[in-house]
Amino acid sequence: MKLYRLLTADDDAAFCRKVTEALNEGWRLHGSPAYAFDAARGVMRCAQAVVKDKPGVYDPARPLREQ
């Protein structure tokens, strides 16, 4: 099966840790990161897509990071 996740967070060290954790769990970067200004909160937000190939069948009831 092919799995896809979009990681999002404020543009800070926590976002980098989230992406690093996903990479260490076997996810691969997919495309470039995206940035947008959250005017309501006054902060930059980041997004990075990650993908993973795994044997088995996708189970929508289970969180993606557990598949």
N, C-alpha and C. Protein backbone atom coordinates (compact mmCIF):
# COMPACT_ATOMS: atom_id res chain seq x y z
N MET A 1 0.84 -1.18 0.00
CA MET A 1 0.00 0.00 0.00
C MET A 1 0.88 1.23 0.00
N LYS A 2 0.36 2.31 -0.47
CA LYS A 2 1.04 3.60 -0.45
C LYS A 2 0.33 4.49 0.56
N LEU A 3 1.12 5.11 1.42
CA LEU A 3 0.57 6.00 2.45
C LEU A 3 1.05 7.42 2.21
N TYR A 4 0.21 8.38 2.52
CA TYR A 4 0.51 9.81 2.33
C TYR A 4 0.10 10.55 3.60
N ARG A 5 0.97 11.43 4.06
CA ARG A 5 0.65 12.32 5.19
C ARG A 5 1.09 13.73 4.83
N LEU A 6 0.35 14.70 5.34
CA LEU A 6 0.76 16.09 5.21
C LEU A 6 1.03 16.60 6.62
N LEU A 7 2.30 16.83 6.91
CA LEU A 7 2.70 17.32 8.22
C LEU A 7 2.59 18.84 8.21
N THR A 8 1.97 19.41 9.25
CA THR A 8 1.83 20.86 9.35
C THR A 8 2.13 21.31 10.77
N ALA A 9 2.61 22.54 10.90
CA ALA A 9 2.87 23.13 12.21
C ALA A 9 3.36 24.56 11.99
N ASP A 10 3.49 25.28 13.09
CA ASP A 10 4.12 26.59 13.03
C ASP A 10 5.56 26.42 12.55
N ASP A 11 6.12 27.47 11.96
CA ASP A 11 7.50 27.43 11.47
C ASP A 11 8.45 27.59 12.66
N ASP A 12 8.73 26.47 13.31
CA ASP A 12 9.64 26.48 14.46
C ASP A 12 10.35 25.13 14.55
N ALA A 13 11.13 24.96 15.59
CA ALA A 13 11.90 23.73 15.74
C ALA A 13 11.00 22.51 15.89
N ALA A 14 9.80 22.67 16.43
CA ALA A 14 8.88 21.55 16.59
C ALA A 14 8.50 20.96 15.23
N PHE A 15 8.34 21.83 14.22
CA PHE A 15 8.02 21.33 12.88
C PHE A 15 9.18 20.50 12.34
N CYS A 16 10.39 20.98 12.51
CA CYS A 16 11.57 20.23 12.05
C CYS A 16 11.66 18.89 12.75
N ARG A 17 11.37 18.86 14.04
CA ARG A 17 11.39 17.59 14.77
C ARG A 17 10.31 16.64 14.25
N LYS A 18 9.13 17.18 13.92
CA LYS A 18 8.04 16.35 13.40
C LYS A 18 8.45 15.70 12.08
N VAL A 19 9.07 16.46 11.19
CA VAL A 19 9.52 15.92 9.90
C VAL A 19 10.66 14.92 10.12
N THR A 20 11.60 15.24 10.99
CA THR A 20 12.71 14.33 11.28
C THR A 20 12.21 13.01 11.84
N GLU A 21 11.23 13.07 12.72
CA GLU A 21 10.65 11.85 13.29
C GLU A 21 10.02 11.00 12.20
N ALA A 22 9.28 11.62 11.30
CA ALA A 22 8.65 10.88 10.21
C ALA A 22 9.71 10.22 9.33
N LEU A 23 10.78 10.93 9.01
CA LEU A 23 11.85 10.36 8.18
C LEU A 23 12.47 9.16 8.87
N ASN A 24 12.66 9.23 10.17
CA ASN A 24 13.25 8.12 10.92
C ASN A 24 12.29 6.95 11.08
N GLU A 25 11.00 7.17 10.83
CA GLU A 25 10.00 6.10 10.85
C GLU A 25 9.82 5.48 9.46
N GLY A 26 10.64 5.90 8.50
CA GLY A 26 10.58 5.30 7.17
C GLY A 26 9.79 6.09 6.13
N TRP A 27 9.25 7.25 6.51
CA TRP A 27 8.55 8.11 5.54
C TRP A 27 9.59 8.82 4.69
N ARG A 28 9.21 9.18 3.44
CA ARG A 28 10.09 9.92 2.53
C ARG A 28 9.44 11.25 2.19
N LEU A 29 10.28 12.28 2.02
CA LEU A 29 9.75 13.57 1.59
C LEU A 29 9.10 13.44 0.23
N HIS A 30 8.01 14.16 0.03
CA HIS A 30 7.30 14.15 -1.24
C HIS A 30 7.05 15.61 -1.63
N GLY A 31 7.83 16.09 -2.58
CA GLY A 31 7.69 17.48 -3.00
C GLY A 31 8.40 18.43 -2.06
N SER A 32 8.20 19.70 -2.31
CA SER A 32 8.84 20.76 -1.53
C SER A 32 7.95 21.17 -0.36
N PRO A 33 8.54 21.73 0.68
CA PRO A 33 7.71 22.26 1.77
C PRO A 33 6.94 23.49 1.30
N ALA A 34 5.86 23.79 1.99
CA ALA A 34 5.06 24.98 1.69
C ALA A 34 5.00 25.85 2.95
N TYR A 35 4.92 27.16 2.74
CA TYR A 35 4.85 28.11 3.83
C TYR A 35 3.70 29.07 3.58
N ALA A 36 3.01 29.45 4.64
CA ALA A 36 1.93 30.43 4.52
C ALA A 36 1.85 31.22 5.82
N PHE A 37 1.44 32.47 5.70
CA PHE A 37 1.29 33.31 6.87
C PHE A 37 -0.11 33.15 7.43
N ASP A 38 -0.21 32.82 8.71
CA ASP A 38 -1.49 32.72 9.41
C ASP A 38 -1.76 34.09 10.03
N ALA A 39 -2.54 34.90 9.34
CA ALA A 39 -2.78 36.27 9.77
C ALA A 39 -3.53 36.33 11.09
N ALA A 40 -4.40 35.38 11.34
CA ALA A 40 -5.17 35.38 12.58
C ALA A 40 -4.27 35.22 13.80
N ARG A 41 -3.20 34.44 13.65
CA ARG A 41 -2.28 34.18 14.76
C ARG A 41 -0.98 34.95 14.64
N GLY A 42 -0.72 35.51 13.46
CA GLY A 42 0.51 36.28 13.25
C GLY A 42 1.77 35.43 13.17
N VAL A 43 1.65 34.20 12.66
CA VAL A 43 2.81 33.30 12.56
C VAL A 43 2.87 32.67 11.17
N MET A 44 4.07 32.23 10.81
CA MET A 44 4.24 31.45 9.58
C MET A 44 3.90 30.00 9.89
N ARG A 45 3.26 29.33 8.94
CA ARG A 45 2.93 27.91 9.07
C ARG A 45 3.67 27.15 7.98
N CYS A 46 4.06 25.91 8.27
CA CYS A 46 4.78 25.05 7.34
C CYS A 46 3.97 23.80 7.05
N ALA A 47 4.19 23.24 5.88
CA ALA A 47 3.61 21.96 5.51
C ALA A 47 4.63 21.18 4.70
N GLN A 48 4.69 19.87 4.94
CA GLN A 48 5.58 18.99 4.18
C GLN A 48 4.86 17.67 3.98
N ALA A 49 4.72 17.26 2.73
CA ALA A 49 4.12 15.96 2.43
C ALA A 49 5.19 14.87 2.58
N VAL A 50 4.77 13.72 3.11
CA VAL A 50 5.63 12.55 3.22
C VAL A 50 4.85 11.33 2.75
N VAL A 51 5.56 10.35 2.20
CA VAL A 51 4.94 9.13 1.69
C VAL A 51 5.71 7.92 2.20
N LYS A 52 5.02 6.78 2.17
CA LYS A 52 5.64 5.53 2.61
C LYS A 52 4.97 4.38 1.85
N ASP A 53 5.79 3.42 1.39
CA ASP A 53 5.29 2.18 0.78
C ASP A 53 5.40 1.09 1.83
N LYS A 54 4.30 0.36 2.03
CA LYS A 54 4.30 -0.73 3.01
C LYS A 54 3.47 -1.88 2.46
N PRO A 55 3.81 -3.10 2.83
CA PRO A 55 2.95 -4.22 2.46
C PRO A 55 1.66 -4.15 3.27
N GLY A 56 0.65 -4.78 2.77
CA GLY A 56 -0.61 -4.83 3.51
C GLY A 56 -1.70 -4.02 2.85
N VAL A 57 -2.78 -3.86 3.58
CA VAL A 57 -3.97 -3.16 3.08
C VAL A 57 -4.22 -1.94 3.97
N TYR A 58 -4.52 -0.83 3.35
CA TYR A 58 -4.80 0.41 4.07
C TYR A 58 -6.03 0.23 4.96
N ASP A 59 -5.93 0.67 6.21
CA ASP A 59 -7.02 0.60 7.17
C ASP A 59 -7.36 2.04 7.60
N PRO A 60 -8.46 2.61 7.08
CA PRO A 60 -8.78 4.00 7.41
C PRO A 60 -9.10 4.21 8.88
N ALA A 61 -9.35 3.15 9.62
CA ALA A 61 -9.64 3.28 11.05
C ALA A 61 -8.38 3.47 11.89
N ARG A 62 -7.21 3.16 11.33
CA ARG A 62 -5.95 3.29 12.07
C ARG A 62 -5.24 4.57 11.68
N PRO A 63 -4.59 5.25 12.63
CA PRO A 63 -3.80 6.45 12.29
C PRO A 63 -2.70 6.09 11.29
N LEU A 64 -2.43 7.00 10.38
CA LEU A 64 -1.43 6.74 9.34
C LEU A 64 -0.06 6.41 9.92
N ARG A 65 0.34 7.07 10.97
CA ARG A 65 1.69 6.82 11.51
C ARG A 65 1.80 5.44 12.10
N GLU A 66 0.68 4.75 12.35
CA GLU A 66 0.70 3.40 12.89
C GLU A 66 0.61 2.32 11.81
N GLN A 67 0.48 2.72 10.56
CA GLN A 67 0.35 1.74 9.48
C GLN A 67 1.67 1.46 8.81
